[in-house]
Amino acid sequence: MGWNGLFTIFVLIARAFLFLIDLVQAMFEKSGAGKIITLIFRLMFDLFIFGFMFLMNAVIAINSRKNEYRADRYAYELGYGEELVEAFYLLEKINLGDNSTVIQKMLKSHPRITARIERVEALLDGEEAIQTDPWPLS
């Protein structure tokens, strides 16, 4: 089971927990203090879920970028390195620029095209791939 499966299980458990919080709140609806306590607890839990979901999305994006690098290496090993570099240059040419925020860059599922070009060109030159990603392949 991969990250997506673990993430899905966590979301299902979190939804069940929120349902229980709603049930408790309904039971104490007449009590002002009980309502405030469940409201605060739910707010804290919602913030935790938001942070956890952001973290998991970042981990999934990192894994996806690593898989893209692995796919590039595989294409090189099959003998398509030069064609891959040509395709990347074409993609870079039609790319409209990157005005992404830091958070958007963290959550991207594909590495920068220039980093992919550098890696494949290094392989074509007989060098080991340059580690330009903050989380290099192992």
C-alpha atoms as a PDB file:
ATOM      1  CA  MET A   1       0.000   0.000   0.000  1.00  0.00           C
ATOM      2  CA  GLY A   2       1.424   3.369  -0.998  1.00  0.00           C
ATOM      3  CA  TRP A   3       1.119   6.882   0.334  1.00  0.00           C
ATOM      4  CA  ASN A   4      -2.216   7.408  -1.401  1.00  0.00           C
ATOM      5  CA  GLY A   5      -3.707   4.404   0.406  1.00  0.00           C
ATOM      6  CA  LEU A   6      -2.446   5.569   3.810  1.00  0.00           C
ATOM      7  CA  PHE A   7      -3.701   9.058   3.112  1.00  0.00           C
ATOM      8  CA  THR A   8      -7.165   7.735   2.186  1.00  0.00           C
ATOM      9  CA  ILE A   9      -7.352   5.636   5.360  1.00  0.00           C
ATOM     10  CA  PHE A  10      -6.393   8.656   7.468  1.00  0.00           C
ATOM     11  CA  VAL A  11      -9.075  10.812   5.843  1.00  0.00           C
ATOM     12  CA  LEU A  12     -11.724   8.126   6.473  1.00  0.00           C
ATOM     13  CA  ILE A  13     -10.727   7.864  10.144  1.00  0.00           C
ATOM     14  CA  ALA A  14     -10.718  11.647  10.477  1.00  0.00           C
ATOM     15  CA  ARG A  15     -14.198  11.892   8.952  1.00  0.00           C
ATOM     16  CA  ALA A  16     -15.496   9.260  11.376  1.00  0.00           C
ATOM     17  CA  PHE A  17     -13.945  11.167  14.262  1.00  0.00           C
ATOM     18  CA  LEU A  18     -15.567  14.422  13.115  1.00  0.00           C
ATOM     19  CA  PHE A  19     -18.895  12.603  12.906  1.00  0.00           C
ATOM     20  CA  LEU A  20     -18.463  11.528  16.538  1.00  0.00           C
ATOM     21  CA  ILE A  21     -17.674  15.102  17.535  1.00  0.00           C
ATOM     22  CA  ASP A  22     -20.893  16.233  15.851  1.00  0.00           C
ATOM     23  CA  LEU A  23     -22.831  13.560  17.770  1.00  0.00           C
ATOM     24  CA  VAL A  24     -21.367  14.703  21.084  1.00  0.00           C
ATOM     25  CA  GLN A  25     -22.154  18.293  20.215  1.00  0.00           C
ATOM     26  CA  ALA A  26     -25.765  17.353  19.423  1.00  0.00           C
ATOM     27  CA  MET A  27     -26.066  15.633  22.813  1.00  0.00           C
ATOM     28  CA  PHE A  28     -24.797  18.722  24.667  1.00  0.00           C
ATOM     29  CA  GLU A  29     -26.555  21.240  22.475  1.00  0.00           C
ATOM     30  CA  LYS A  30     -28.537  22.685  25.362  1.00  0.00           C
ATOM     31  CA  SER A  31     -25.416  23.150  27.471  1.00  0.00           C
ATOM     32  CA  GLY A  32     -23.482  26.300  26.511  1.00  0.00           C
ATOM     33  CA  ALA A  33     -20.201  25.083  28.015  1.00  0.00           C
ATOM     34  CA  GLY A  34     -20.432  21.677  26.280  1.00  0.00           C
ATOM     35  CA  LYS A  35     -21.146  23.368  22.975  1.00  0.00           C
ATOM     36  CA  ILE A  36     -18.137  25.682  23.317  1.00  0.00           C
ATOM     37  CA  ILE A  37     -15.819  22.821  24.324  1.00  0.00           C
ATOM     38  CA  THR A  38     -16.851  20.659  21.357  1.00  0.00           C
ATOM     39  CA  LEU A  39     -16.578  23.662  19.030  1.00  0.00           C
ATOM     40  CA  ILE A  40     -13.016  24.396  20.221  1.00  0.00           C
ATOM     41  CA  PHE A  41     -12.084  20.720  19.993  1.00  0.00           C
ATOM     42  CA  ARG A  42     -13.459  20.492  16.466  1.00  0.00           C
ATOM     43  CA  LEU A  43     -11.606  23.634  15.413  1.00  0.00           C
ATOM     44  CA  MET A  44      -8.321  22.214  16.751  1.00  0.00           C
ATOM     45  CA  PHE A  45      -8.951  18.915  14.998  1.00  0.00           C
ATOM     46  CA  ASP A  46      -9.807  20.686  11.729  1.00  0.00           C
ATOM     47  CA  LEU A  47      -6.511  22.612  11.932  1.00  0.00           C
ATOM     48  CA  PHE A  48      -4.624  19.369  12.583  1.00  0.00           C
ATOM     49  CA  ILE A  49      -6.280  17.704   9.591  1.00  0.00           C
ATOM     50  CA  PHE A  50      -5.455  20.707   7.395  1.00  0.00           C
ATOM     51  CA  GLY A  51      -1.782  20.563   8.403  1.00  0.00           C
ATOM     52  CA  PHE A  52      -1.604  16.802   8.004  1.00  0.00           C
ATOM     53  CA  MET A  53      -3.241  16.915   4.571  1.00  0.00           C
ATOM     54  CA  PHE A  54      -0.799  19.608   3.442  1.00  0.00           C
ATOM     55  CA  LEU A  55       2.128  17.535   4.668  1.00  0.00           C
ATOM     56  CA  MET A  56       0.847  14.383   2.967  1.00  0.00           C
ATOM     57  CA  ASN A  57       0.253  16.253  -0.312  1.00  0.00           C
ATOM     58  CA  ALA A  58       3.839  17.525  -0.153  1.00  0.00           C
ATOM     59  CA  VAL A  59       5.158  13.992   0.452  1.00  0.00           C
ATOM     60  CA  ILE A  60       3.120  12.631  -2.462  1.00  0.00           C
ATOM     61  CA  ALA A  61       4.423  15.435  -4.719  1.00  0.00           C
ATOM     62  CA  ILE A  62       8.020  14.686  -3.711  1.00  0.00           C
ATOM     63  CA  ASN A  63       7.493  11.018  -4.487  1.00  0.00           C
ATOM     64  CA  SER A  64       5.939  11.901  -7.830  1.00  0.00           C
ATOM     65  CA  ARG A  65       8.929  14.068  -8.772  1.00  0.00           C
ATOM     66  CA  LYS A  66      11.309  11.236  -7.864  1.00  0.00           C
ATOM     67  CA  ASN A  67       9.295   8.903 -10.081  1.00  0.00           C
ATOM     68  CA  GLU A  68       9.610  11.375 -12.967  1.00  0.00           C
ATOM     69  CA  TYR A  69      13.397  11.355 -12.566  1.00  0.00           C
ATOM     70  CA  ARG A  70      13.339   7.557 -12.522  1.00  0.00           C
ATOM     71  CA  ALA A  71      11.239   7.539 -15.701  1.00  0.00           C
ATOM     72  CA  ASP A  72      13.747   9.865 -17.373  1.00  0.00           C
ATOM     73  CA  ARG A  73      16.611   7.548 -16.409  1.00  0.00           C
ATOM     74  CA  TYR A  74      14.661   4.560 -17.731  1.00  0.00           C
ATOM     75  CA  ALA A  75      14.056   6.332 -21.054  1.00  0.00           C
ATOM     76  CA  TYR A  76      17.799   7.051 -21.240  1.00  0.00           C
ATOM     77  CA  GLU A  77      18.609   3.397 -20.525  1.00  0.00           C
ATOM     78  CA  LEU A  78      16.266   2.358 -23.342  1.00  0.00           C
ATOM     79  CA  GLY A  79      18.214   4.606 -25.720  1.00  0.00           C
ATOM     80  CA  TYR A  80      15.856   7.575 -25.894  1.00  0.00           C
ATOM     81  CA  GLY A  81      18.046  10.076 -24.028  1.00  0.00           C
ATOM     82  CA  GLU A  82      18.639  12.475 -26.912  1.00  0.00           C
ATOM     83  CA  GLU A  83      14.981  12.415 -27.943  1.00  0.00           C
ATOM     84  CA  LEU A  84      13.979  13.060 -24.341  1.00  0.00           C
ATOM     85  CA  VAL A  85      16.253  16.096 -24.114  1.00  0.00           C
ATOM     86  CA  GLU A  86      14.816  17.420 -27.389  1.00  0.00           C
ATOM     87  CA  ALA A  87      11.292  16.978 -26.030  1.00  0.00           C
ATOM     88  CA  PHE A  88      12.250  18.777 -22.808  1.00  0.00           C
ATOM     89  CA  TYR A  89      13.725  21.694 -24.766  1.00  0.00           C
ATOM     90  CA  LEU A  90      10.503  21.910 -26.745  1.00  0.00           C
ATOM     91  CA  LEU A  91       8.476  21.916 -23.530  1.00  0.00           C
ATOM     92  CA  GLU A  92      10.754  24.562 -22.075  1.00  0.00           C
ATOM     93  CA  LYS A  93      10.282  26.710 -25.167  1.00  0.00           C
ATOM     94  CA  ILE A  94       6.472  26.630 -24.906  1.00  0.00           C
ATOM     95  CA  ASN A  95       6.527  27.055 -21.128  1.00  0.00           C
ATOM     96  CA  LEU A  96       5.124  30.478 -20.231  1.00  0.00           C
ATOM     97  CA  GLY A  97       7.323  30.931 -17.185  1.00  0.00           C
ATOM     98  CA  ASP A  98       6.946  29.971 -13.590  1.00  0.00           C
ATOM     99  CA  ASN A  99       5.240  32.526 -11.381  1.00  0.00           C
ATOM    100  CA  SER A 100       4.372  29.935  -8.753  1.00  0.00           C
ATOM    101  CA  THR A 101       4.520  30.604  -5.046  1.00  0.00           C
ATOM    102  CA  VAL A 102       6.823  28.571  -2.810  1.00  0.00           C
ATOM    103  CA  ILE A 103       3.902  26.432  -1.643  1.00  0.00           C
ATOM    104  CA  GLN A 104       2.763  25.771  -5.215  1.00  0.00           C
ATOM    105  CA  LYS A 105       6.299  24.729  -6.117  1.00  0.00           C
ATOM    106  CA  MET A 106       6.378  22.337  -3.143  1.00  0.00           C
ATOM    107  CA  LEU A 107       3.173  20.662  -4.307  1.00  0.00           C
ATOM    108  CA  LYS A 108       4.126  20.288  -7.983  1.00  0.00           C
ATOM    109  CA  SER A 109       4.063  16.710  -9.191  1.00  0.00           C
ATOM    110  CA  HIS A 110       6.741  17.215 -11.865  1.00  0.00           C
ATOM    111  CA  PRO A 111      10.296  18.524 -11.460  1.00  0.00           C
ATOM    112  CA  ARG A 112      11.447  21.673 -13.221  1.00  0.00           C
ATOM    113  CA  ILE A 113      12.129  21.025 -16.891  1.00  0.00           C
ATOM    114  CA  THR A 114      15.598  22.572 -16.634  1.00  0.00           C
ATOM    115  CA  ALA A 115      16.509  20.151 -13.832  1.00  0.00           C
ATOM    116  CA  ARG A 116      15.348  17.219 -15.939  1.00  0.00           C
ATOM    117  CA  ILE A 117      17.372  18.470 -18.911  1.00  0.00           C
ATOM    118  CA  GLU A 118      20.490  18.769 -16.727  1.00  0.00           C
ATOM    119  CA  ARG A 119      20.091  15.212 -15.440  1.00  0.00           C
ATOM    120  CA  VAL A 120      19.545  13.594 -18.834  1.00  0.00           C
ATOM    121  CA  GLU A 121      22.352  15.607 -20.454  1.00  0.00           C
ATOM    122  CA  ALA A 122      24.676  14.515 -17.630  1.00  0.00           C
ATOM    123  CA  LEU A 123      23.741  10.901 -18.354  1.00  0.00           C
ATOM    124  CA  LEU A 124      24.390  11.434 -22.072  1.00  0.00           C
ATOM    125  CA  ASP A 125      27.814  12.883 -21.229  1.00  0.00           C
ATOM    126  CA  GLY A 126      28.600   9.761 -19.229  1.00  0.00           C
ATOM    127  CA  GLU A 127      28.321  11.467 -15.866  1.00  0.00           C
ATOM    128  CA  GLU A 128      26.139  10.451 -12.987  1.00  0.00           C
ATOM    129  CA  ALA A 129      22.917  12.460 -12.785  1.00  0.00           C
ATOM    130  CA  ILE A 130      23.269  15.833 -11.092  1.00  0.00           C
ATOM    131  CA  GLN A 131      21.307  15.996  -7.854  1.00  0.00           C
ATOM    132  CA  THR A 132      19.311  19.222  -8.256  1.00  0.00           C
ATOM    133  CA  ASP A 133      16.266  18.112  -6.341  1.00  0.00           C
ATOM    134  CA  PRO A 134      16.207  18.943  -2.603  1.00  0.00           C
ATOM    135  CA  TRP A 135      15.246  15.309  -1.964  1.00  0.00           C
ATOM    136  CA  PRO A 136      17.641  13.390  -4.237  1.00  0.00           C
ATOM    137  CA  LEU A 137      17.044   9.886  -5.444  1.00  0.00           C
ATOM    138  CA  SER A 138      18.607   7.194  -3.361  1.00  0.00           C
END
